Amino acid sequence: MTKTELVNAIAEKSGLAKSDAEKALKAFVDTVTQALQNDDKVAMVGFGTFSVGERAARTGKNPQTGAEIQIAAAKVPKFKAGKALKDALN
């Protein structure tokens, strides 16, 4: 599903205009992004939890040359699905 298809589905299910659904989706994404930048968790009961994970620095290899390279530590977004979402899929 693309962003456009998601906006259309939100508009259809909620009765909002497509422009309002797009604004709501953008506000959701911006709010979650801001919370994760502040190292907060965003928990939506039944759906899941967005959080920030740490990836340690490590040594990798350049696939073209085989030379070893250092990969810096990084923060990565994580999502853990909630029970209701898992149950809906099974």
N, C-alpha and C. Protein backbone atom coordinates (compact mmCIF):
# COMPACT_ATOMS: atom_id res chain seq x y z
N MET A 1 0.86 -1.18 0.00
CA MET A 1 0.00 0.00 0.00
C MET A 1 0.90 1.23 0.00
N THR A 2 0.64 2.13 -0.91
CA THR A 2 1.40 3.38 -0.98
C THR A 2 0.77 4.42 -0.07
N LYS A 3 1.47 5.54 0.10
CA LYS A 3 0.95 6.62 0.93
C LYS A 3 -0.38 7.12 0.39
N THR A 4 -0.48 7.27 -0.93
CA THR A 4 -1.72 7.74 -1.55
C THR A 4 -2.87 6.78 -1.27
N GLU A 5 -2.60 5.48 -1.40
CA GLU A 5 -3.64 4.48 -1.12
C GLU A 5 -4.03 4.51 0.35
N LEU A 6 -3.05 4.73 1.23
CA LEU A 6 -3.36 4.82 2.66
C LEU A 6 -4.21 6.04 2.96
N VAL A 7 -3.88 7.17 2.37
CA VAL A 7 -4.69 8.40 2.56
C VAL A 7 -6.11 8.17 2.07
N ASN A 8 -6.27 7.54 0.91
CA ASN A 8 -7.60 7.25 0.37
C ASN A 8 -8.38 6.33 1.30
N ALA A 9 -7.73 5.31 1.86
CA ALA A 9 -8.41 4.38 2.76
C ALA A 9 -8.82 5.08 4.05
N ILE A 10 -7.95 5.94 4.58
CA ILE A 10 -8.29 6.69 5.79
C ILE A 10 -9.48 7.60 5.53
N ALA A 11 -9.45 8.29 4.41
CA ALA A 11 -10.54 9.21 4.06
C ALA A 11 -11.86 8.46 3.93
N GLU A 12 -11.82 7.30 3.30
CA GLU A 12 -13.03 6.51 3.08
C GLU A 12 -13.59 5.98 4.40
N LYS A 13 -12.72 5.44 5.26
CA LYS A 13 -13.19 4.85 6.51
C LYS A 13 -13.62 5.88 7.54
N SER A 14 -13.00 7.07 7.51
CA SER A 14 -13.31 8.07 8.53
C SER A 14 -14.33 9.11 8.08
N GLY A 15 -14.58 9.18 6.78
CA GLY A 15 -15.50 10.19 6.29
C GLY A 15 -14.84 11.55 6.13
N LEU A 16 -13.52 11.62 6.28
CA LEU A 16 -12.80 12.87 6.11
C LEU A 16 -12.54 13.13 4.63
N ALA A 17 -12.30 14.38 4.31
CA ALA A 17 -11.86 14.71 2.95
C ALA A 17 -10.44 14.17 2.79
N LYS A 18 -10.05 13.88 1.56
CA LYS A 18 -8.70 13.35 1.32
C LYS A 18 -7.62 14.30 1.83
N SER A 19 -7.84 15.60 1.67
CA SER A 19 -6.83 16.57 2.13
C SER A 19 -6.71 16.52 3.66
N ASP A 20 -7.85 16.35 4.35
CA ASP A 20 -7.82 16.26 5.81
C ASP A 20 -7.17 14.95 6.26
N ALA A 21 -7.43 13.87 5.55
CA ALA A 21 -6.82 12.58 5.88
C ALA A 21 -5.31 12.65 5.67
N GLU A 22 -4.88 13.33 4.62
CA GLU A 22 -3.45 13.48 4.37
C GLU A 22 -2.80 14.31 5.47
N LYS A 23 -3.48 15.38 5.92
CA LYS A 23 -2.96 16.20 7.02
C LYS A 23 -2.86 15.38 8.30
N ALA A 24 -3.86 14.54 8.56
CA ALA A 24 -3.86 13.72 9.77
C ALA A 24 -2.72 12.70 9.73
N LEU A 25 -2.51 12.08 8.57
CA LEU A 25 -1.42 11.11 8.43
C LEU A 25 -0.07 11.80 8.60
N LYS A 26 0.10 12.98 8.00
CA LYS A 26 1.35 13.73 8.13
C LYS A 26 1.58 14.12 9.58
N ALA A 27 0.53 14.54 10.28
CA ALA A 27 0.66 14.90 11.69
C ALA A 27 1.07 13.70 12.52
N PHE A 28 0.49 12.52 12.23
CA PHE A 28 0.86 11.30 12.94
C PHE A 28 2.33 10.96 12.73
N VAL A 29 2.77 10.97 11.48
CA VAL A 29 4.16 10.64 11.16
C VAL A 29 5.11 11.65 11.81
N ASP A 30 4.79 12.93 11.72
CA ASP A 30 5.64 13.97 12.31
C ASP A 30 5.72 13.82 13.83
N THR A 31 4.59 13.51 14.47
CA THR A 31 4.55 13.36 15.92
C THR A 31 5.35 12.15 16.38
N VAL A 32 5.21 11.03 15.69
CA VAL A 32 5.98 9.82 16.03
C VAL A 32 7.47 10.09 15.80
N THR A 33 7.83 10.73 14.71
CA THR A 33 9.22 11.04 14.41
C THR A 33 9.82 11.93 15.50
N GLN A 34 9.08 12.96 15.89
CA GLN A 34 9.57 13.87 16.93
C GLN A 34 9.76 13.14 18.26
N ALA A 35 8.82 12.27 18.61
CA ALA A 35 8.93 11.51 19.86
C ALA A 35 10.15 10.60 19.83
N LEU A 36 10.39 9.93 18.71
CA LEU A 36 11.55 9.05 18.59
C LEU A 36 12.86 9.83 18.63
N GLN A 37 12.87 11.03 18.05
CA GLN A 37 14.06 11.88 18.12
C GLN A 37 14.38 12.25 19.56
N ASN A 38 13.35 12.33 20.41
CA ASN A 38 13.53 12.65 21.82
C ASN A 38 13.72 11.40 22.67
N ASP A 39 13.96 10.24 22.02
CA ASP A 39 14.15 8.95 22.69
C ASP A 39 12.94 8.51 23.50
N ASP A 40 11.75 8.92 23.10
CA ASP A 40 10.51 8.49 23.74
C ASP A 40 9.96 7.29 22.99
N LYS A 41 9.07 6.54 23.66
CA LYS A 41 8.34 5.45 23.01
C LYS A 41 6.96 5.96 22.65
N VAL A 42 6.39 5.42 21.60
CA VAL A 42 5.01 5.72 21.23
C VAL A 42 4.27 4.39 21.26
N ALA A 43 3.40 4.22 22.26
CA ALA A 43 2.69 2.96 22.44
C ALA A 43 1.21 3.16 22.12
N MET A 44 0.71 2.34 21.22
CA MET A 44 -0.71 2.37 20.87
C MET A 44 -1.24 0.98 21.21
N VAL A 45 -1.98 0.91 22.31
CA VAL A 45 -2.46 -0.37 22.82
C VAL A 45 -3.24 -1.11 21.74
N GLY A 46 -2.87 -2.37 21.53
CA GLY A 46 -3.52 -3.20 20.53
C GLY A 46 -2.87 -3.13 19.16
N PHE A 47 -2.19 -2.03 18.86
CA PHE A 47 -1.55 -1.90 17.55
C PHE A 47 -0.06 -2.20 17.65
N GLY A 48 0.65 -1.47 18.50
CA GLY A 48 2.07 -1.73 18.65
C GLY A 48 2.80 -0.57 19.29
N THR A 49 4.12 -0.72 19.39
CA THR A 49 4.96 0.28 20.02
C THR A 49 6.12 0.65 19.11
N PHE A 50 6.29 1.94 18.91
CA PHE A 50 7.44 2.47 18.20
C PHE A 50 8.48 2.86 19.24
N SER A 51 9.75 2.50 19.01
CA SER A 51 10.80 2.86 19.94
C SER A 51 12.11 3.04 19.17
N VAL A 52 13.16 3.44 19.91
CA VAL A 52 14.47 3.66 19.32
C VAL A 52 15.40 2.58 19.84
N GLY A 53 16.12 1.94 18.93
CA GLY A 53 17.11 0.94 19.30
C GLY A 53 18.50 1.44 18.99
N GLU A 54 19.48 0.81 19.59
CA GLU A 54 20.87 1.17 19.36
C GLU A 54 21.54 0.08 18.54
N ARG A 55 22.25 0.46 17.51
CA ARG A 55 23.04 -0.49 16.73
C ARG A 55 24.51 -0.17 17.00
N ALA A 56 25.24 -1.14 17.51
CA ALA A 56 26.64 -0.92 17.88
C ALA A 56 27.51 -0.73 16.64
N ALA A 57 28.65 -0.08 16.86
CA ALA A 57 29.64 0.06 15.79
C ALA A 57 30.19 -1.32 15.47
N ARG A 58 30.53 -1.53 14.21
CA ARG A 58 31.03 -2.84 13.82
C ARG A 58 31.91 -2.71 12.59
N THR A 59 32.60 -3.79 12.29
CA THR A 59 33.45 -3.85 11.11
C THR A 59 32.71 -4.60 10.02
N GLY A 60 32.67 -4.03 8.82
CA GLY A 60 32.01 -4.67 7.69
C GLY A 60 33.00 -4.82 6.54
N LYS A 61 32.53 -5.33 5.44
CA LYS A 61 33.37 -5.48 4.25
C LYS A 61 32.70 -4.82 3.05
N ASN A 62 33.50 -4.15 2.27
CA ASN A 62 33.03 -3.58 1.02
C ASN A 62 32.82 -4.75 0.06
N PRO A 63 31.59 -4.97 -0.44
CA PRO A 63 31.35 -6.13 -1.29
C PRO A 63 32.08 -6.09 -2.63
N GLN A 64 32.45 -4.91 -3.10
CA GLN A 64 33.15 -4.82 -4.38
C GLN A 64 34.64 -5.12 -4.25
N THR A 65 35.26 -4.59 -3.18
CA THR A 65 36.71 -4.74 -3.04
C THR A 65 37.11 -5.75 -1.98
N GLY A 66 36.21 -6.06 -1.06
CA GLY A 66 36.54 -6.96 0.04
C GLY A 66 37.29 -6.28 1.16
N ALA A 67 37.53 -4.98 1.03
CA ALA A 67 38.24 -4.23 2.06
C ALA A 67 37.36 -4.06 3.29
N GLU A 68 38.00 -4.13 4.47
CA GLU A 68 37.25 -3.93 5.70
C GLU A 68 36.98 -2.45 5.89
N ILE A 69 35.77 -2.14 6.38
CA ILE A 69 35.40 -0.76 6.67
C ILE A 69 34.76 -0.71 8.05
N GLN A 70 34.84 0.44 8.68
CA GLN A 70 34.22 0.63 9.98
C GLN A 70 32.83 1.22 9.77
N ILE A 71 31.84 0.60 10.38
CA ILE A 71 30.46 1.09 10.31
C ILE A 71 30.16 1.71 11.66
N ALA A 72 29.76 2.96 11.67
CA ALA A 72 29.53 3.70 12.91
C ALA A 72 28.29 3.20 13.64
N ALA A 73 28.26 3.45 14.94
CA ALA A 73 27.08 3.14 15.74
C ALA A 73 25.94 4.03 15.26
N ALA A 74 24.71 3.55 15.41
CA ALA A 74 23.56 4.33 14.94
C ALA A 74 22.33 4.03 15.78
N LYS A 75 21.43 4.99 15.81
CA LYS A 75 20.11 4.77 16.41
C LYS A 75 19.18 4.34 15.28
N VAL A 76 18.34 3.34 15.54
CA VAL A 76 17.44 2.83 14.51
C VAL A 76 16.02 2.75 15.07
N PRO A 77 15.02 3.04 14.23
CA PRO A 77 13.64 2.91 14.69
C PRO A 77 13.25 1.44 14.78
N LYS A 78 12.44 1.11 15.79
CA LYS A 78 11.95 -0.26 15.95
C LYS A 78 10.44 -0.21 16.12
N PHE A 79 9.78 -1.28 15.69
CA PHE A 79 8.34 -1.41 15.88
C PHE A 79 8.06 -2.80 16.39
N LYS A 80 7.32 -2.88 17.48
CA LYS A 80 6.91 -4.17 18.02
C LYS A 80 5.39 -4.23 17.93
N ALA A 81 4.89 -5.19 17.18
CA ALA A 81 3.45 -5.32 16.97
C ALA A 81 2.75 -5.72 18.27
N GLY A 82 1.56 -5.17 18.49
CA GLY A 82 0.76 -5.52 19.66
C GLY A 82 -0.02 -6.81 19.43
N LYS A 83 -0.58 -7.33 20.51
CA LYS A 83 -1.29 -8.60 20.47
C LYS A 83 -2.48 -8.56 19.51
N ALA A 84 -3.26 -7.49 19.56
CA ALA A 84 -4.44 -7.40 18.69
C ALA A 84 -4.05 -7.41 17.21
N LEU A 85 -2.96 -6.74 16.86
CA LEU A 85 -2.50 -6.73 15.47
C LEU A 85 -2.02 -8.12 15.07
N LYS A 86 -1.27 -8.77 15.94
CA LYS A 86 -0.79 -10.13 15.65
C LYS A 86 -1.97 -11.09 15.48
N ASP A 87 -2.97 -10.97 16.37
CA ASP A 87 -4.13 -11.84 16.29
C ASP A 87 -4.94 -11.61 15.01
N ALA A 88 -4.98 -10.35 14.56
CA ALA A 88 -5.73 -10.04 13.34
C ALA A 88 -5.08 -10.68 12.11
N LEU A 89 -3.79 -10.93 12.17
CA LEU A 89 -3.09 -11.50 11.04
C LEU A 89 -3.13 -13.03 11.02
N ASN A 90 -3.46 -13.62 12.15
CA ASN A 90 -3.43 -15.09 12.22
C ASN A 90 -4.81 -15.67 12.37
